[in-house]
Amino acid sequence: LDNHTLVNEPDETVVEGVLKMLLPLLLFTMSLFYFKHI
């Protein structure tokens, strides 16, 4: 976020950008844990 211009955008745009990056990372985290468990 700090490296892009989203910080100067409306709050809705910032939240959308955060979710677009954070949700895939959380899904990646869950997938890694499931793989480790199995």
All heavy atoms as atom14 arrays in JSON, in Angstrom:
{
  "sequence": "LDNHTLVNEPDETVVEGVLKMLLPLLLFTMSLFYFKHI",
  "atom14_mask": [
    [1, 1, 1, 1, 1, 1, 1, 1, 0, 0, 0, 0, 0, 0],
    [1, 1, 1, 1, 1, 1, 1, 1, 0, 0, 0, 0, 0, 0],
    [1, 1, 1, 1, 1, 1, 1, 1, 0, 0, 0, 0, 0, 0],
    [1, 1, 1, 1, 1, 1, 1, 1, 1, 1, 0, 0, 0, 0],
    [1, 1, 1, 1, 1, 1, 1, 0, 0, 0, 0, 0, 0, 0],
    [1, 1, 1, 1, 1, 1, 1, 1, 0, 0, 0, 0, 0, 0],
    [1, 1, 1, 1, 1, 1, 1, 0, 0, 0, 0, 0, 0, 0],
    [1, 1, 1, 1, 1, 1, 1, 1, 0, 0, 0, 0, 0, 0],
    [1, 1, 1, 1, 1, 1, 1, 1, 1, 0, 0, 0, 0, 0],
    [1, 1, 1, 1, 1, 1, 1, 0, 0, 0, 0, 0, 0, 0],
    [1, 1, 1, 1, 1, 1, 1, 1, 0, 0, 0, 0, 0, 0],
    [1, 1, 1, 1, 1, 1, 1, 1, 1, 0, 0, 0, 0, 0],
    [1, 1, 1, 1, 1, 1, 1, 0, 0, 0, 0, 0, 0, 0],
    [1, 1, 1, 1, 1, 1, 1, 0, 0, 0, 0, 0, 0, 0],
    [1, 1, 1, 1, 1, 1, 1, 0, 0, 0, 0, 0, 0, 0],
    [1, 1, 1, 1, 1, 1, 1, 1, 1, 0, 0, 0, 0, 0],
    [1, 1, 1, 1, 0, 0, 0, 0, 0, 0, 0, 0, 0, 0],
    [1, 1, 1, 1, 1, 1, 1, 0, 0, 0, 0, 0, 0, 0],
    [1, 1, 1, 1, 1, 1, 1, 1, 0, 0, 0, 0, 0, 0],
    [1, 1, 1, 1, 1, 1, 1, 1, 1, 0, 0, 0, 0, 0],
    [1, 1, 1, 1, 1, 1, 1, 1, 0, 0, 0, 0, 0, 0],
    [1, 1, 1, 1, 1, 1, 1, 1, 0, 0, 0, 0, 0, 0],
    [1, 1, 1, 1, 1, 1, 1, 1, 0, 0, 0, 0, 0, 0],
    [1, 1, 1, 1, 1, 1, 1, 0, 0, 0, 0, 0, 0, 0],
    [1, 1, 1, 1, 1, 1, 1, 1, 0, 0, 0, 0, 0, 0],
    [1, 1, 1, 1, 1, 1, 1, 1, 0, 0, 0, 0, 0, 0],
    [1, 1, 1, 1, 1, 1, 1, 1, 0, 0, 0, 0, 0, 0],
    [1, 1, 1, 1, 1, 1, 1, 1, 1, 1, 1, 0, 0, 0],
    [1, 1, 1, 1, 1, 1, 1, 0, 0, 0, 0, 0, 0, 0],
    [1, 1, 1, 1, 1, 1, 1, 1, 0, 0, 0, 0, 0, 0],
    [1, 1, 1, 1, 1, 1, 0, 0, 0, 0, 0, 0, 0, 0],
    [1, 1, 1, 1, 1, 1, 1, 1, 0, 0, 0, 0, 0, 0],
    [1, 1, 1, 1, 1, 1, 1, 1, 1, 1, 1, 0, 0, 0],
    [1, 1, 1, 1, 1, 1, 1, 1, 1, 1, 1, 1, 0, 0],
    [1, 1, 1, 1, 1, 1, 1, 1, 1, 1, 1, 0, 0, 0],
    [1, 1, 1, 1, 1, 1, 1, 1, 1, 0, 0, 0, 0, 0],
    [1, 1, 1, 1, 1, 1, 1, 1, 1, 1, 0, 0, 0, 0],
    [1, 1, 1, 1, 1, 1, 1, 1, 0, 0, 0, 0, 0, 0]
  ],
  "atom14_positions": [
    [[0.83, -1.21, 0.0], [0.0, 0.0, 0.0], [0.86, 1.26, 0.0], [0.57, 2.24, -0.69], [-0.92, 0.01, 1.23], [-2.15, -0.89, 1.18], [-2.89, -0.82, 2.51], [-3.08, -0.47, 0.04], [0.0, 0.0, 0.0], [0.0, 0.0, 0.0], [0.0, 0.0, 0.0], [0.0, 0.0, 0.0], [0.0, 0.0, 0.0], [0.0, 0.0, 0.0]],
    [[1.92, 1.24, 0.79], [2.79, 2.4, 0.88], [3.52, 2.66, -0.43], [3.9, 3.8, -0.73], [3.81, 2.19, 2.0], [4.63, 3.45, 2.27], [4.06, 4.43, 2.76], [5.84, 3.42, 1.95], [0.0, 0.0, 0.0], [0.0, 0.0, 0.0], [0.0, 0.0, 0.0], [0.0, 0.0, 0.0], [0.0, 0.0, 0.0], [0.0, 0.0, 0.0]],
    [[3.71, 1.61, -1.22], [4.42, 1.74, -2.5], [3.5, 2.16, -3.64], [3.97, 2.39, -4.76], [5.12, 0.43, -2.86], [6.27, 0.13, -1.93], [6.76, 1.02, -1.23], [6.71, -1.12, -1.9], [0.0, 0.0, 0.0], [0.0, 0.0, 0.0], [0.0, 0.0, 0.0], [0.0, 0.0, 0.0], [0.0, 0.0, 0.0], [0.0, 0.0, 0.0]],
    [[2.2, 2.22, -3.39], [1.26, 2.59, -4.44], [0.47, 3.85, -4.05], [0.59, 4.35, -2.93], [0.28, 1.43, -4.72], [0.96, 0.27, -5.38], [1.74, -0.64, -4.68], [0.98, -0.13, -6.69], [2.21, -1.56, -5.52], [1.78, -1.27, -6.73], [0.0, 0.0, 0.0], [0.0, 0.0, 0.0], [0.0, 0.0, 0.0], [0.0, 0.0, 0.0]],
    [[-0.32, 4.3, -4.94], [-1.07, 5.55, -4.74], [-2.39, 5.33, -4.02], [-3.18, 6.26, -3.91], [-1.35, 6.21, -6.09], [-2.06, 5.3, -6.92], [-0.04, 6.6, -6.77], [0.0, 0.0, 0.0], [0.0, 0.0, 0.0], [0.0, 0.0, 0.0], [0.0, 0.0, 0.0], [0.0, 0.0, 0.0], [0.0, 0.0, 0.0], [0.0, 0.0, 0.0]],
    [[-2.63, 4.1, -3.54], [-3.92, 3.83, -2.88], [-4.09, 4.66, -1.61], [-5.22, 4.91, -1.17], [-4.02, 2.33, -2.53], [-4.3, 1.39, -3.7], [-4.3, -0.05, -3.21], [-5.65, 1.73, -4.34], [0.0, 0.0, 0.0], [0.0, 0.0, 0.0], [0.0, 0.0, 0.0], [0.0, 0.0, 0.0], [0.0, 0.0, 0.0], [0.0, 0.0, 0.0]],
    [[-2.98, 5.09, -1.02], [-3.09, 5.85, 0.22], [-3.8, 7.19, 0.0], [-4.33, 7.77, 0.94], [-1.68, 6.09, 0.82], [-1.08, 4.79, 1.33], [-0.76, 6.73, -0.22], [0.0, 0.0, 0.0], [0.0, 0.0, 0.0], [0.0, 0.0, 0.0], [0.0, 0.0, 0.0], [0.0, 0.0, 0.0], [0.0, 0.0, 0.0], [0.0, 0.0, 0.0]],
    [[-3.76, 7.68, -1.22], [-4.41, 8.96, -1.54], [-5.8, 8.79, -2.12], [-6.44, 9.76, -2.5], [-3.54, 9.76, -2.52], [-2.17, 10.09, -1.92], [-2.1, 10.44, -0.74], [-1.12, 9.98, -2.72], [0.0, 0.0, 0.0], [0.0, 0.0, 0.0], [0.0, 0.0, 0.0], [0.0, 0.0, 0.0], [0.0, 0.0, 0.0], [0.0, 0.0, 0.0]],
    [[-6.26, 7.55, -2.22], [-7.57, 7.27, -2.78], [-8.63, 7.28, -1.68], [-8.3, 7.27, -0.48], [-7.55, 5.9, -3.47], [-6.59, 5.83, -4.66], [-7.06, 6.69, -5.83], [-8.28, 6.91, -5.93], [-6.21, 7.14, -6.63], [0.0, 0.0, 0.0], [0.0, 0.0, 0.0], [0.0, 0.0, 0.0], [0.0, 0.0, 0.0], [0.0, 0.0, 0.0]],
    [[-9.92, 7.28, -2.05], [-11.0, 7.19, -1.05], [-10.87, 5.91, -0.23], [-10.27, 4.92, -0.65], [-12.27, 7.19, -1.91], [-11.87, 7.84, -3.19], [-10.45, 7.47, -3.41], [0.0, 0.0, 0.0], [0.0, 0.0, 0.0], [0.0, 0.0, 0.0], [0.0, 0.0, 0.0], [0.0, 0.0, 0.0], [0.0, 0.0, 0.0], [0.0, 0.0, 0.0]],
    [[-11.5, 5.96, 0.96], [-11.4, 4.82, 1.88], [-11.91, 3.54, 1.25], [-11.36, 2.45, 1.49], [-12.19, 5.12, 3.16], [-11.55, 6.24, 3.96], [-10.35, 6.52, 3.71], [-12.23, 6.82, 4.83], [0.0, 0.0, 0.0], [0.0, 0.0, 0.0], [0.0, 0.0, 0.0], [0.0, 0.0, 0.0], [0.0, 0.0, 0.0], [0.0, 0.0, 0.0]],
    [[-13.0, 3.63, 0.46], [-13.55, 2.42, -0.15], [-12.53, 1.76, -1.09], [-12.39, 0.53, -1.13], [-14.83, 2.74, -0.93], [-16.0, 3.21, -0.08], [-15.88, 4.68, 0.3], [-14.9, 5.32, -0.14], [-16.74, 5.17, 1.06], [0.0, 0.0, 0.0], [0.0, 0.0, 0.0], [0.0, 0.0, 0.0], [0.0, 0.0, 0.0], [0.0, 0.0, 0.0]],
    [[-11.81, 2.58, -1.82], [-10.81, 2.05, -2.75], [-9.65, 1.4, -1.99], [-9.13, 0.35, -2.4], [-10.28, 3.17, -3.66], [-11.38, 3.81, -4.31], [-9.33, 2.63, -4.7], [0.0, 0.0, 0.0], [0.0, 0.0, 0.0], [0.0, 0.0, 0.0], [0.0, 0.0, 0.0], [0.0, 0.0, 0.0], [0.0, 0.0, 0.0], [0.0, 0.0, 0.0]],
    [[-9.28, 2.04, -0.87], [-8.2, 1.48, -0.07], [-8.6, 0.13, 0.52], [-7.83, -0.84, 0.49], [-7.81, 2.46, 1.07], [-6.8, 1.81, 2.0], [-7.26, 3.74, 0.48], [0.0, 0.0, 0.0], [0.0, 0.0, 0.0], [0.0, 0.0, 0.0], [0.0, 0.0, 0.0], [0.0, 0.0, 0.0], [0.0, 0.0, 0.0], [0.0, 0.0, 0.0]],
    [[-9.83, 0.06, 1.06], [-10.32, -1.21, 1.62], [-10.38, -2.28, 0.55], [-9.98, -3.44, 0.78], [-11.72, -1.0, 2.26], [-12.31, -2.35, 2.66], [-11.63, -0.08, 3.47], [0.0, 0.0, 0.0], [0.0, 0.0, 0.0], [0.0, 0.0, 0.0], [0.0, 0.0, 0.0], [0.0, 0.0, 0.0], [0.0, 0.0, 0.0], [0.0, 0.0, 0.0]],
    [[-10.83, -1.91, -0.63], [-10.9, -2.88, -1.72], [-9.5, -3.39, -2.09], [-9.3, -4.58, -2.31], [-11.56, -2.22, -2.94], [-11.7, -3.18, -4.13], [-12.34, -2.49, -5.32], [-12.75, -1.33, -5.2], [-12.39, -3.13, -6.39], [0.0, 0.0, 0.0], [0.0, 0.0, 0.0], [0.0, 0.0, 0.0], [0.0, 0.0, 0.0], [0.0, 0.0, 0.0]],
    [[-8.53, -2.47, -2.12], [-7.15, -2.88, -2.44], [-6.57, -3.79, -1.38], [-5.86, -4.75, -1.69], [0.0, 0.0, 0.0], [0.0, 0.0, 0.0], [0.0, 0.0, 0.0], [0.0, 0.0, 0.0], [0.0, 0.0, 0.0], [0.0, 0.0, 0.0], [0.0, 0.0, 0.0], [0.0, 0.0, 0.0], [0.0, 0.0, 0.0], [0.0, 0.0, 0.0]],
    [[-6.89, -3.46, -0.11], [-6.4, -4.3, 0.99], [-6.97, -5.71, 0.89], [-6.25, -6.71, 1.02], [-6.74, -3.67, 2.34], [-6.47, -4.66, 3.48], [-5.95, -2.39, 2.56], [0.0, 0.0, 0.0], [0.0, 0.0, 0.0], [0.0, 0.0, 0.0], [0.0, 0.0, 0.0], [0.0, 0.0, 0.0], [0.0, 0.0, 0.0], [0.0, 0.0, 0.0]],
    [[-8.27, -5.79, 0.66], [-8.91, -7.11, 0.56], [-8.38, -7.91, -0.61], [-8.22, -9.13, -0.52], [-10.42, -6.93, 0.45], [-11.13, -6.38, 1.7], [-12.62, -6.18, 1.43], [-10.92, -7.3, 2.89], [0.0, 0.0, 0.0], [0.0, 0.0, 0.0], [0.0, 0.0, 0.0], [0.0, 0.0, 0.0], [0.0, 0.0, 0.0], [0.0, 0.0, 0.0]],
    [[-8.11, -7.24, -1.73], [-7.59, -7.95, -2.9], [-6.23, -8.58, -2.64], [-5.89, -9.62, -3.22], [-7.5, -6.99, -4.09], [-8.83, -6.67, -4.74], [-8.63, -5.78, -5.94], [-9.97, -5.51, -6.64], [-9.79, -4.63, -7.83], [0.0, 0.0, 0.0], [0.0, 0.0, 0.0], [0.0, 0.0, 0.0], [0.0, 0.0, 0.0], [0.0, 0.0, 0.0]],
    [[-5.44, -7.95, -1.76], [-4.13, -8.51, -1.44], [-4.18, -9.45, -0.24], [-3.52, -10.49, -0.2], [-3.12, -7.38, -1.17], [-2.71, -6.62, -2.42], [-1.4, -5.41, -2.08], [-2.35, -4.14, -1.22], [0.0, 0.0, 0.0], [0.0, 0.0, 0.0], [0.0, 0.0, 0.0], [0.0, 0.0, 0.0], [0.0, 0.0, 0.0], [0.0, 0.0, 0.0]],
    [[-4.99, -9.1, 0.77], [-4.98, -9.84, 2.02], [-5.69, -11.18, 1.91], [-5.2, -12.2, 2.43], [-5.63, -8.99, 3.13], [-5.51, -9.54, 4.54], [-4.05, -9.72, 4.93], [-6.22, -8.61, 5.53], [0.0, 0.0, 0.0], [0.0, 0.0, 0.0], [0.0, 0.0, 0.0], [0.0, 0.0, 0.0], [0.0, 0.0, 0.0], [0.0, 0.0, 0.0]],
    [[-6.85, -11.21, 1.23], [-7.61, -12.46, 1.14], [-6.83, -13.57, 0.43], [-6.81, -14.72, 0.91], [-8.95, -12.2, 0.45], [-9.97, -11.38, 1.27], [-11.26, -11.18, 0.47], [-10.27, -12.07, 2.59], [0.0, 0.0, 0.0], [0.0, 0.0, 0.0], [0.0, 0.0, 0.0], [0.0, 0.0, 0.0], [0.0, 0.0, 0.0], [0.0, 0.0, 0.0]],
    [[-6.18, -13.3, -0.71], [-5.36, -14.36, -1.32], [-4.24, -14.85, -0.41], [-3.92, -16.04, -0.4], [-4.81, -13.7, -2.59], [-5.78, -12.63, -2.91], [-6.24, -12.12, -1.58], [0.0, 0.0, 0.0], [0.0, 0.0, 0.0], [0.0, 0.0, 0.0], [0.0, 0.0, 0.0], [0.0, 0.0, 0.0], [0.0, 0.0, 0.0], [0.0, 0.0, 0.0]],
    [[-3.65, -13.92, 0.36], [-2.59, -14.31, 1.28], [-3.12, -15.23, 2.38], [-2.48, -16.22, 2.76], [-1.93, -13.08, 1.9], [-1.0, -12.28, 0.99], [-0.52, -11.02, 1.7], [0.19, -13.12, 0.57], [0.0, 0.0, 0.0], [0.0, 0.0, 0.0], [0.0, 0.0, 0.0], [0.0, 0.0, 0.0], [0.0, 0.0, 0.0], [0.0, 0.0, 0.0]],
    [[-4.3, -14.9, 2.91], [-4.9, -15.75, 3.94], [-5.29, -17.11, 3.38], [-5.12, -18.14, 4.04], [-6.13, -15.05, 4.54], [-5.85, -13.76, 5.33], [-7.15, -13.14, 5.82], [-4.92, -14.05, 6.5], [0.0, 0.0, 0.0], [0.0, 0.0, 0.0], [0.0, 0.0, 0.0], [0.0, 0.0, 0.0], [0.0, 0.0, 0.0], [0.0, 0.0, 0.0]],
    [[-5.79, -17.12, 2.15], [-6.11, -18.39, 1.49], [-4.84, -19.21, 1.27], [-4.83, -20.43, 1.46], [-6.81, -18.13, 0.17], [-7.26, -19.37, -0.63], [-8.24, -20.19, 0.2], [-7.87, -18.95, -1.95], [0.0, 0.0, 0.0], [0.0, 0.0, 0.0], [0.0, 0.0, 0.0], [0.0, 0.0, 0.0], [0.0, 0.0, 0.0], [0.0, 0.0, 0.0]],
    [[-3.76, -18.53, 0.9], [-2.46, -19.17, 0.72], [-1.99, -19.77, 2.04], [-1.47, -20.9, 2.08], [-1.47, -18.13, 0.2], [-0.07, -18.63, 0.03], [0.22, -19.64, -0.87], [0.98, -18.07, 0.76], [1.52, -20.1, -1.05], [2.27, -18.52, 0.59], [2.54, -19.54, -0.31], [0.0, 0.0, 0.0], [0.0, 0.0, 0.0], [0.0, 0.0, 0.0]],
    [[-2.19, -19.03, 3.13], [-1.79, -19.51, 4.45], [-2.57, -20.77, 4.84], [-1.99, -21.76, 5.33], [-2.03, -18.41, 5.5], [-1.25, -17.26, 5.17], [-1.66, -18.89, 6.89], [0.0, 0.0, 0.0], [0.0, 0.0, 0.0], [0.0, 0.0, 0.0], [0.0, 0.0, 0.0], [0.0, 0.0, 0.0], [0.0, 0.0, 0.0], [0.0, 0.0, 0.0]],
    [[-3.87, -20.76, 4.64], [-4.71, -21.91, 4.96], [-4.32, -23.13, 4.11], [-4.29, -24.27, 4.61], [-6.18, -21.56, 4.75], [-6.71, -20.48, 5.68], [-6.72, -21.03, 7.42], [-7.9, -22.38, 7.33], [0.0, 0.0, 0.0], [0.0, 0.0, 0.0], [0.0, 0.0, 0.0], [0.0, 0.0, 0.0], [0.0, 0.0, 0.0], [0.0, 0.0, 0.0]],
    [[-4.05, -22.89, 2.84], [-3.68, -24.0, 1.95], [-2.37, -24.63, 2.39], [-2.22, -25.86, 2.38], [-3.57, -23.5, 0.51], [-4.8, -22.96, 0.06], [0.0, 0.0, 0.0], [0.0, 0.0, 0.0], [0.0, 0.0, 0.0], [0.0, 0.0, 0.0], [0.0, 0.0, 0.0], [0.0, 0.0, 0.0], [0.0, 0.0, 0.0], [0.0, 0.0, 0.0]],
    [[-1.4, -23.79, 2.77], [-0.13, -24.31, 3.25], [-0.3, -25.15, 4.51], [0.28, -26.23, 4.65], [0.84, -23.15, 3.55], [1.48, -22.46, 2.35], [2.32, -21.29, 2.83], [2.33, -23.43, 1.56], [0.0, 0.0, 0.0], [0.0, 0.0, 0.0], [0.0, 0.0, 0.0], [0.0, 0.0, 0.0], [0.0, 0.0, 0.0], [0.0, 0.0, 0.0]],
    [[-1.14, -24.66, 5.43], [-1.36, -25.41, 6.66], [-2.05, -26.74, 6.38], [-1.7, -27.77, 6.97], [-2.2, -24.58, 7.64], [-2.53, -25.33, 8.9], [-1.57, -25.51, 9.88], [-3.81, -25.86, 9.09], [-1.87, -26.22, 11.04], [-4.11, -26.57, 10.24], [-3.14, -26.74, 11.22], [0.0, 0.0, 0.0], [0.0, 0.0, 0.0], [0.0, 0.0, 0.0]],
    [[-3.03, -26.74, 5.48], [-3.73, -27.98, 5.14], [-2.75, -28.98, 4.52], [-2.78, -30.17, 4.85], [-4.88, -27.69, 4.19], [-5.65, -28.92, 3.77], [-6.53, -29.55, 4.65], [-5.49, -29.46, 2.5], [-7.23, -30.68, 4.28], [-6.17, -30.6, 2.11], [-7.05, -31.2, 3.01], [-7.74, -32.33, 2.63], [0.0, 0.0, 0.0], [0.0, 0.0, 0.0]],
    [[-1.9, -28.48, 3.64], [-0.89, -29.35, 3.02], [0.03, -29.94, 4.09], [0.35, -31.13, 4.07], [-0.07, -28.55, 2.0], [1.14, -29.28, 1.5], [1.02, -30.29, 0.56], [2.4, -28.95, 1.99], [2.13, -30.95, 0.1], [3.52, -29.62, 1.53], [3.39, -30.63, 0.59], [0.0, 0.0, 0.0], [0.0, 0.0, 0.0], [0.0, 0.0, 0.0]],
    [[0.47, -29.1, 5.05], [1.33, -29.58, 6.12], [0.63, -30.65, 6.95], [1.22, -31.69, 7.28], [1.75, -28.42, 7.02], [2.5, -28.87, 8.27], [2.69, -27.74, 9.25], [3.35, -28.26, 10.54], [3.55, -27.19, 11.53], [0.0, 0.0, 0.0], [0.0, 0.0, 0.0], [0.0, 0.0, 0.0], [0.0, 0.0, 0.0], [0.0, 0.0, 0.0]],
    [[-0.62, -30.4, 7.28], [-1.37, -31.34, 8.12], [-1.47, -32.71, 7.45], [-1.19, -33.74, 8.07], [-2.76, -30.77, 8.4], [-3.64, -31.71, 9.18], [-3.43, -31.98, 10.52], [-4.72, -32.46, 8.79], [-4.35, -32.84, 10.93], [-5.13, -33.14, 9.91], [0.0, 0.0, 0.0], [0.0, 0.0, 0.0], [0.0, 0.0, 0.0], [0.0, 0.0, 0.0]],
    [[-1.87, -32.72, 6.18], [-2.02, -33.99, 5.47], [-0.66, -34.65, 5.25], [-0.49, -35.86, 5.46], [-2.73, -33.77, 4.11], [-4.14, -33.22, 4.34], [-2.78, -35.06, 3.32], [-5.04, -34.13, 5.12], [0.0, 0.0, 0.0], [0.0, 0.0, 0.0], [0.0, 0.0, 0.0], [0.0, 0.0, 0.0], [0.0, 0.0, 0.0], [0.0, 0.0, 0.0]]
  ]
}
